Amino acid sequence: MGWEIEMTRAVVVKGHLVGPRTVQLDEPVHQPTCEVEVILRVPAEAPTTEGLAAFLRSLPAGTRTKADIDQQLRDERDSWR
């Protein structure tokens, strides 16, 4: 029984999707003309400061007082000793 081993090499090049079937590469690929397999990884959009602030404003207000929080911190520091 013969074994076929397919050797592949990954070449990572950044680029831009400029149409439903067109990818524009940011740099040349020095490779002979051949068939390739393309996998698109679309980066997630980073949250904006404005979006994060709006999210925080949408959260319900807390019920703890400054004194409660200060006491919890003192108790935790005391437990470290």
PDB file of N, CA and C in Angstrom:
ATOM      1  N   MET A   1       0.860  -1.169   0.000  1.00  0.00           N
ATOM      2  CA  MET A   1       0.000   0.000   0.000  1.00  0.00           C
ATOM      3  C   MET A   1       0.909   1.236   0.000  1.00  0.00           C
ATOM      4  N   GLY A   2       0.663   2.168  -0.906  1.00  0.00           N
ATOM      5  CA  GLY A   2       1.465   3.385  -0.987  1.00  0.00           C
ATOM      6  C   GLY A   2       0.844   4.499  -0.162  1.00  0.00           C
ATOM      7  N   TRP A   3       1.692   5.293   0.389  1.00  0.00           N
ATOM      8  CA  TRP A   3       1.241   6.448   1.186  1.00  0.00           C
ATOM      9  C   TRP A   3       1.534   7.712   0.408  1.00  0.00           C
ATOM     10  N   GLU A   4       0.533   8.572   0.345  1.00  0.00           N
ATOM     11  CA  GLU A   4       0.756   9.881  -0.259  1.00  0.00           C
ATOM     12  C   GLU A   4       0.886  10.891   0.866  1.00  0.00           C
ATOM     13  N   ILE A   5       1.974  11.600   0.869  1.00  0.00           N
ATOM     14  CA  ILE A   5       2.179  12.634   1.864  1.00  0.00           C
ATOM     15  C   ILE A   5       2.130  13.973   1.155  1.00  0.00           C
ATOM     16  N   GLU A   6       1.208  14.802   1.601  1.00  0.00           N
ATOM     17  CA  GLU A   6       1.066  16.120   1.003  1.00  0.00           C
ATOM     18  C   GLU A   6       1.831  17.117   1.868  1.00  0.00           C
ATOM     19  N   MET A   7       2.835  17.723   1.298  1.00  0.00           N
ATOM     20  CA  MET A   7       3.625  18.706   2.027  1.00  0.00           C
ATOM     21  C   MET A   7       3.051  20.085   1.723  1.00  0.00           C
ATOM     22  N   THR A   8       2.751  20.818   2.759  1.00  0.00           N
ATOM     23  CA  THR A   8       2.269  22.180   2.575  1.00  0.00           C
ATOM     24  C   THR A   8       3.128  23.123   3.382  1.00  0.00           C
ATOM     25  N   ARG A   9       3.110  24.377   2.989  1.00  0.00           N
ATOM     26  CA  ARG A   9       3.871  25.400   3.686  1.00  0.00           C
ATOM     27  C   ARG A   9       2.953  26.594   3.842  1.00  0.00           C
ATOM     28  N   ALA A  10       2.878  27.113   5.051  1.00  0.00           N
ATOM     29  CA  ALA A  10       2.031  28.276   5.305  1.00  0.00           C
ATOM     30  C   ALA A  10       2.844  29.544   5.091  1.00  0.00           C
ATOM     31  N   VAL A  11       2.256  30.466   4.380  1.00  0.00           N
ATOM     32  CA  VAL A  11       2.840  31.792   4.189  1.00  0.00           C
ATOM     33  C   VAL A  11       1.810  32.776   4.711  1.00  0.00           C
ATOM     34  N   VAL A  12       2.163  33.537   5.742  1.00  0.00           N
ATOM     35  CA  VAL A  12       1.218  34.470   6.342  1.00  0.00           C
ATOM     36  C   VAL A  12       1.514  35.869   5.805  1.00  0.00           C
ATOM     37  N   VAL A  13       0.506  36.452   5.170  1.00  0.00           N
ATOM     38  CA  VAL A  13       0.622  37.795   4.615  1.00  0.00           C
ATOM     39  C   VAL A  13      -0.648  38.551   4.971  1.00  0.00           C
ATOM     40  N   LYS A  14      -0.495  39.748   5.503  1.00  0.00           N
ATOM     41  CA  LYS A  14      -1.682  40.554   5.793  1.00  0.00           C
ATOM     42  C   LYS A  14      -2.192  41.168   4.502  1.00  0.00           C
ATOM     43  N   GLY A  15      -3.472  41.459   4.495  1.00  0.00           N
ATOM     44  CA  GLY A  15      -4.078  42.058   3.317  1.00  0.00           C
ATOM     45  C   GLY A  15      -5.450  42.595   3.642  1.00  0.00           C
ATOM     46  N   HIS A  16      -6.180  42.945   2.615  1.00  0.00           N
ATOM     47  CA  HIS A  16      -7.509  43.523   2.769  1.00  0.00           C
ATOM     48  C   HIS A  16      -8.476  42.846   1.816  1.00  0.00           C
ATOM     49  N   LEU A  17      -9.644  42.522   2.319  1.00  0.00           N
ATOM     50  CA  LEU A  17     -10.714  42.004   1.482  1.00  0.00           C
ATOM     51  C   LEU A  17     -11.334  43.212   0.801  1.00  0.00           C
ATOM     52  N   VAL A  18     -11.219  43.291  -0.529  1.00  0.00           N
ATOM     53  CA  VAL A  18     -11.682  44.474  -1.250  1.00  0.00           C
ATOM     54  C   VAL A  18     -12.897  44.184  -2.129  1.00  0.00           C
ATOM     55  N   GLY A  19     -13.410  43.019  -2.023  1.00  0.00           N
ATOM     56  CA  GLY A  19     -14.600  42.632  -2.772  1.00  0.00           C
ATOM     57  C   GLY A  19     -15.000  41.246  -2.332  1.00  0.00           C
ATOM     58  N   PRO A  20     -16.143  40.789  -2.771  1.00  0.00           N
ATOM     59  CA  PRO A  20     -16.598  39.470  -2.316  1.00  0.00           C
ATOM     60  C   PRO A  20     -15.680  38.325  -2.747  1.00  0.00           C
ATOM     61  N   ARG A  21     -14.837  38.559  -3.756  1.00  0.00           N
ATOM     62  CA  ARG A  21     -13.939  37.501  -4.226  1.00  0.00           C
ATOM     63  C   ARG A  21     -12.516  37.990  -4.431  1.00  0.00           C
ATOM     64  N   THR A  22     -12.173  39.152  -3.870  1.00  0.00           N
ATOM     65  CA  THR A  22     -10.858  39.728  -4.129  1.00  0.00           C
ATOM     66  C   THR A  22     -10.155  40.086  -2.828  1.00  0.00           C
ATOM     67  N   VAL A  23      -8.925  39.591  -2.689  1.00  0.00           N
ATOM     68  CA  VAL A  23      -8.075  39.917  -1.551  1.00  0.00           C
ATOM     69  C   VAL A  23      -6.857  40.659  -2.091  1.00  0.00           C
ATOM     70  N   GLN A  24      -6.563  41.822  -1.527  1.00  0.00           N
ATOM     71  CA  GLN A  24      -5.384  42.590  -1.911  1.00  0.00           C
ATOM     72  C   GLN A  24      -4.340  42.405  -0.827  1.00  0.00           C
ATOM     73  N   LEU A  25      -3.187  41.849  -1.188  1.00  0.00           N
ATOM     74  CA  LEU A  25      -2.127  41.575  -0.222  1.00  0.00           C
ATOM     75  C   LEU A  25      -1.302  42.827   0.034  1.00  0.00           C
ATOM     76  N   ASP A  26      -0.831  42.988   1.265  1.00  0.00           N
ATOM     77  CA  ASP A  26      -0.042  44.153   1.630  1.00  0.00           C
ATOM     78  C   ASP A  26       1.418  44.040   1.191  1.00  0.00           C
ATOM     79  N   GLU A  27       1.851  42.849   0.834  1.00  0.00           N
ATOM     80  CA  GLU A  27       3.224  42.651   0.377  1.00  0.00           C
ATOM     81  C   GLU A  27       3.242  41.509  -0.628  1.00  0.00           C
ATOM     82  N   PRO A  28       4.248  41.460  -1.477  1.00  0.00           N
ATOM     83  CA  PRO A  28       4.299  40.399  -2.487  1.00  0.00           C
ATOM     84  C   PRO A  28       4.631  39.043  -1.869  1.00  0.00           C
ATOM     85  N   VAL A  29       4.194  38.001  -2.525  1.00  0.00           N
ATOM     86  CA  VAL A  29       4.524  36.631  -2.133  1.00  0.00           C
ATOM     87  C   VAL A  29       5.407  36.066  -3.236  1.00  0.00           C
ATOM     88  N   HIS A  30       6.637  35.754  -2.884  1.00  0.00           N
ATOM     89  CA  HIS A  30       7.596  35.252  -3.878  1.00  0.00           C
ATOM     90  C   HIS A  30       7.467  33.729  -3.948  1.00  0.00           C
ATOM     91  N   GLN A  31       6.513  33.315  -4.735  1.00  0.00           N
ATOM     92  CA  GLN A  31       6.162  31.902  -4.853  1.00  0.00           C
ATOM     93  C   GLN A  31       5.783  31.669  -6.304  1.00  0.00           C
ATOM     94  N   PRO A  32       6.154  30.532  -6.872  1.00  0.00           N
ATOM     95  CA  PRO A  32       5.700  30.273  -8.248  1.00  0.00           C
ATOM     96  C   PRO A  32       4.175  30.204  -8.297  1.00  0.00           C
ATOM     97  N   THR A  33       3.618  30.488  -9.438  1.00  0.00           N
ATOM     98  CA  THR A  33       2.176  30.421  -9.610  1.00  0.00           C
ATOM     99  C   THR A  33       1.698  29.008  -9.279  1.00  0.00           C
ATOM    100  N   CYS A  34       0.739  28.934  -8.381  1.00  0.00           N
ATOM    101  CA  CYS A  34       0.226  27.635  -7.976  1.00  0.00           C
ATOM    102  C   CYS A  34      -1.150  27.822  -7.344  1.00  0.00           C
ATOM    103  N   GLU A  35      -1.822  26.720  -7.112  1.00  0.00           N
ATOM    104  CA  GLU A  35      -3.107  26.762  -6.420  1.00  0.00           C
ATOM    105  C   GLU A  35      -2.839  26.958  -4.930  1.00  0.00           C
ATOM    106  N   VAL A  36      -3.684  27.756  -4.285  1.00  0.00           N
ATOM    107  CA  VAL A  36      -3.526  28.008  -2.854  1.00  0.00           C
ATOM    108  C   VAL A  36      -4.862  27.838  -2.160  1.00  0.00           C
ATOM    109  N   GLU A  37      -4.805  27.715  -0.862  1.00  0.00           N
ATOM    110  CA  GLU A  37      -6.000  27.695  -0.022  1.00  0.00           C
ATOM    111  C   GLU A  37      -5.950  28.946   0.839  1.00  0.00           C
ATOM    112  N   VAL A  38      -7.039  29.690   0.873  1.00  0.00           N
ATOM    113  CA  VAL A  38      -7.070  30.947   1.607  1.00  0.00           C
ATOM    114  C   VAL A  38      -7.983  30.793   2.816  1.00  0.00           C
ATOM    115  N   ILE A  39      -7.475  31.166   3.981  1.00  0.00           N
ATOM    116  CA  ILE A  39      -8.264  31.185   5.211  1.00  0.00           C
ATOM    117  C   ILE A  39      -8.289  32.627   5.684  1.00  0.00           C
ATOM    118  N   LEU A  40      -9.472  33.206   5.801  1.00  0.00           N
ATOM    119  CA  LEU A  40      -9.587  34.584   6.255  1.00  0.00           C
ATOM    120  C   LEU A  40      -9.800  34.604   7.759  1.00  0.00           C
ATOM    121  N   ARG A  41      -8.984  35.373   8.466  1.00  0.00           N
ATOM    122  CA  ARG A  41      -9.194  35.623   9.888  1.00  0.00           C
ATOM    123  C   ARG A  41      -9.488  37.109  10.016  1.00  0.00           C
ATOM    124  N   VAL A  42     -10.721  37.429  10.316  1.00  0.00           N
ATOM    125  CA  VAL A  42     -11.136  38.817  10.434  1.00  0.00           C
ATOM    126  C   VAL A  42     -10.980  39.231  11.888  1.00  0.00           C
ATOM    127  N   PRO A  43     -10.121  40.235  12.175  1.00  0.00           N
ATOM    128  CA  PRO A  43      -9.928  40.636  13.565  1.00  0.00           C
ATOM    129  C   PRO A  43     -11.195  41.241  14.152  1.00  0.00           C
ATOM    130  N   ALA A  44     -11.442  40.924  15.416  1.00  0.00           N
ATOM    131  CA  ALA A  44     -12.595  41.500  16.101  1.00  0.00           C
ATOM    132  C   ALA A  44     -12.331  42.985  16.313  1.00  0.00           C
ATOM    133  N   GLU A  45     -13.378  43.761  16.244  1.00  0.00           N
ATOM    134  CA  GLU A  45     -13.224  45.193  16.473  1.00  0.00           C
ATOM    135  C   GLU A  45     -13.002  45.449  17.959  1.00  0.00           C
ATOM    136  N   ALA A  46     -12.022  46.270  18.252  1.00  0.00           N
ATOM    137  CA  ALA A  46     -11.741  46.613  19.645  1.00  0.00           C
ATOM    138  C   ALA A  46     -12.845  47.528  20.156  1.00  0.00           C
ATOM    139  N   PRO A  47     -13.275  47.311  21.390  1.00  0.00           N
ATOM    140  CA  PRO A  47     -14.310  48.195  21.933  1.00  0.00           C
ATOM    141  C   PRO A  47     -13.769  49.616  22.046  1.00  0.00           C
ATOM    142  N   THR A  48     -14.616  50.569  21.774  1.00  0.00           N
ATOM    143  CA  THR A  48     -14.207  51.964  21.881  1.00  0.00           C
ATOM    144  C   THR A  48     -14.395  52.438  23.313  1.00  0.00           C
ATOM    145  N   THR A  49     -13.703  53.494  23.668  1.00  0.00           N
ATOM    146  CA  THR A  49     -13.865  54.072  25.003  1.00  0.00           C
ATOM    147  C   THR A  49     -15.302  54.522  25.204  1.00  0.00           C
ATOM    148  N   GLU A  50     -15.881  55.093  24.149  1.00  0.00           N
ATOM    149  CA  GLU A  50     -17.272  55.550  24.239  1.00  0.00           C
ATOM    150  C   GLU A  50     -18.218  54.373  24.465  1.00  0.00           C
ATOM    151  N   GLY A  51     -17.988  53.268  23.768  1.00  0.00           N
ATOM    152  CA  GLY A  51     -18.825  52.084  23.941  1.00  0.00           C
ATOM    153  C   GLY A  51     -18.696  51.489  25.333  1.00  0.00           C
ATOM    154  N   LEU A  52     -17.470  51.470  25.846  1.00  0.00           N
ATOM    155  CA  LEU A  52     -17.241  50.939  27.186  1.00  0.00           C
ATOM    156  C   LEU A  52     -17.913  51.816  28.233  1.00  0.00           C
ATOM    157  N   ALA A  53     -17.797  53.136  28.077  1.00  0.00           N
ATOM    158  CA  ALA A  53     -18.428  54.056  29.028  1.00  0.00           C
ATOM    159  C   ALA A  53     -19.942  53.887  29.010  1.00  0.00           C
ATOM    160  N   ALA A  54     -20.517  53.716  27.828  1.00  0.00           N
ATOM    161  CA  ALA A  54     -21.971  53.526  27.721  1.00  0.00           C
ATOM    162  C   ALA A  54     -22.387  52.230  28.402  1.00  0.00           C
ATOM    163  N   PHE A  55     -21.576  51.185  28.241  1.00  0.00           N
ATOM    164  CA  PHE A  55     -21.879  49.913  28.891  1.00  0.00           C
ATOM    165  C   PHE A  55     -21.855  50.070  30.414  1.00  0.00           C
ATOM    166  N   LEU A  56     -20.818  50.733  30.927  1.00  0.00           N
ATOM    167  CA  LEU A  56     -20.722  50.925  32.379  1.00  0.00           C
ATOM    168  C   LEU A  56     -21.895  51.743  32.911  1.00  0.00           C
ATOM    169  N   ARG A  57     -22.316  52.754  32.167  1.00  0.00           N
ATOM    170  CA  ARG A  57     -23.469  53.555  32.597  1.00  0.00           C
ATOM    171  C   ARG A  57     -24.757  52.727  32.606  1.00  0.00           C
ATOM    172  N   SER A  58     -24.815  51.687  31.781  1.00  0.00           N
ATOM    173  CA  SER A  58     -26.029  50.874  31.708  1.00  0.00           C
ATOM    174  C   SER A  58     -26.166  49.902  32.876  1.00  0.00           C
ATOM    175  N   LEU A  59     -25.078  49.686  33.625  1.00  0.00           N
ATOM    176  CA  LEU A  59     -25.131  48.752  34.746  1.00  0.00           C
ATOM    177  C   LEU A  59     -25.887  49.374  35.922  1.00  0.00           C
ATOM    178  N   PRO A  60     -26.562  48.539  36.709  1.00  0.00           N
ATOM    179  CA  PRO A  60     -27.273  49.080  37.873  1.00  0.00           C
ATOM    180  C   PRO A  60     -26.285  49.610  38.904  1.00  0.00           C
ATOM    181  N   ALA A  61     -26.718  50.601  39.649  1.00  0.00           N
ATOM    182  CA  ALA A  61     -25.857  51.197  40.683  1.00  0.00           C
ATOM    183  C   ALA A  61     -25.591  50.179  41.790  1.00  0.00           C
ATOM    184  N   GLY A  62     -24.402  50.255  42.376  1.00  0.00           N
ATOM    185  CA  GLY A  62     -24.061  49.372  43.479  1.00  0.00           C
ATOM    186  C   GLY A  62     -24.732  49.824  44.770  1.00  0.00           C
ATOM    187  N   THR A  63     -24.751  48.929  45.754  1.00  0.00           N
ATOM    188  CA  THR A  63     -25.416  49.243  47.024  1.00  0.00           C
ATOM    189  C   THR A  63     -24.428  49.355  48.178  1.00  0.00           C
ATOM    190  N   ARG A  64     -23.137  49.086  47.926  1.00  0.00           N
ATOM    191  CA  ARG A  64     -22.149  49.136  48.999  1.00  0.00           C
ATOM    192  C   ARG A  64     -21.687  50.569  49.227  1.00  0.00           C
ATOM    193  N   THR A  65     -21.427  50.890  50.473  1.00  0.00           N
ATOM    194  CA  THR A  65     -20.914  52.215  50.802  1.00  0.00           C
ATOM    195  C   THR A  65     -19.393  52.177  50.839  1.00  0.00           C
ATOM    196  N   LYS A  66     -18.796  53.364  50.845  1.00  0.00           N
ATOM    197  CA  LYS A  66     -17.344  53.451  50.953  1.00  0.00           C
ATOM    198  C   LYS A  66     -16.878  52.805  52.254  1.00  0.00           C
ATOM    199  N   ALA A  67     -17.619  53.013  53.314  1.00  0.00           N
ATOM    200  CA  ALA A  67     -17.253  52.431  54.615  1.00  0.00           C
ATOM    201  C   ALA A  67     -17.252  50.900  54.543  1.00  0.00           C
ATOM    202  N   ASP A  68     -18.234  50.304  53.846  1.00  0.00           N
ATOM    203  CA  ASP A  68     -18.286  48.841  53.691  1.00  0.00           C
ATOM    204  C   ASP A  68     -17.041  48.330  52.963  1.00  0.00           C
ATOM    205  N   ILE A  69     -16.696  49.014  51.893  1.00  0.00           N
ATOM    206  CA  ILE A  69     -15.543  48.590  51.083  1.00  0.00           C
ATOM    207  C   ILE A  69     -14.252  48.756  51.881  1.00  0.00           C
ATOM    208  N   ASP A  70     -14.096  49.894  52.572  1.00  0.00           N
ATOM    209  CA  ASP A  70     -12.907  50.120  53.399  1.00  0.00           C
ATOM    210  C   ASP A  70     -12.765  49.047  54.480  1.00  0.00           C
ATOM    211  N   GLN A  71     -13.879  48.665  55.094  1.00  0.00           N
ATOM    212  CA  GLN A  71     -13.837  47.627  56.133  1.00  0.00           C
ATOM    213  C   GLN A  71     -13.424  46.288  55.537  1.00  0.00           C
ATOM    214  N   GLN A  72     -13.946  45.956  54.363  1.00  0.00           N
ATOM    215  CA  GLN A  72     -13.567  44.704  53.718  1.00  0.00           C
ATOM    216  C   GLN A  72     -12.068  44.692  53.437  1.00  0.00           C
ATOM    217  N   LEU A  73     -11.522  45.802  52.949  1.00  0.00           N
ATOM    218  CA  LEU A  73     -10.086  45.874  52.688  1.00  0.00           C
ATOM    219  C   LEU A  73      -9.274  45.701  53.966  1.00  0.00           C
ATOM    220  N   ARG A  74      -9.700  46.344  55.053  1.00  0.00           N
ATOM    221  CA  ARG A  74      -8.994  46.189  56.333  1.00  0.00           C
ATOM    222  C   ARG A  74      -9.023  44.736  56.787  1.00  0.00           C
ATOM    223  N   ASP A  75     -10.193  44.085  56.686  1.00  0.00           N
ATOM    224  CA  ASP A  75     -10.321  42.682  57.095  1.00  0.00           C
ATOM    225  C   ASP A  75      -9.401  41.787  56.275  1.00  0.00           C
ATOM    226  N   GLU A  76      -9.338  42.033  54.968  1.00  0.00           N
ATOM    227  CA  GLU A  76      -8.473  41.200  54.122  1.00  0.00           C
ATOM    228  C   GLU A  76      -7.008  41.417  54.430  1.00  0.00           C
ATOM    229  N   ARG A  77      -6.614  42.678  54.657  1.00  0.00           N
ATOM    230  CA  ARG A  77      -5.215  42.957  55.023  1.00  0.00           C
ATOM    231  C   ARG A  77      -4.858  42.285  56.341  1.00  0.00           C
ATOM    232  N   ASP A  78      -5.773  42.307  57.313  1.00  0.00           N
ATOM    233  CA  ASP A  78      -5.522  41.674  58.608  1.00  0.00           C
ATOM    234  C   ASP A  78      -5.345  40.160  58.460  1.00  0.00           C
ATOM    235  N   SER A  79      -6.046  39.557  57.503  1.00  0.00           N
ATOM    236  CA  SER A  79      -5.953  38.105  57.322  1.00  0.00           C
ATOM    237  C   SER A  79      -4.618  37.691  56.697  1.00  0.00           C
ATOM    238  N   TRP A  80      -3.894  38.636  56.111  1.00  0.00           N
ATOM    239  CA  TRP A  80      -2.596  38.333  55.500  1.00  0.00           C
ATOM    240  C   TRP A  80      -1.492  38.200  56.553  1.00  0.00           C
ATOM    241  N   ARG A  81      -1.728  38.718  57.728  1.00  0.00           N
ATOM    242  CA  ARG A  81      -0.679  38.739  58.762  1.00  0.00           C
ATOM    243  C   ARG A  81      -0.605  37.450  59.494  1.00  0.00           C
TER     244      ARG A  81
END
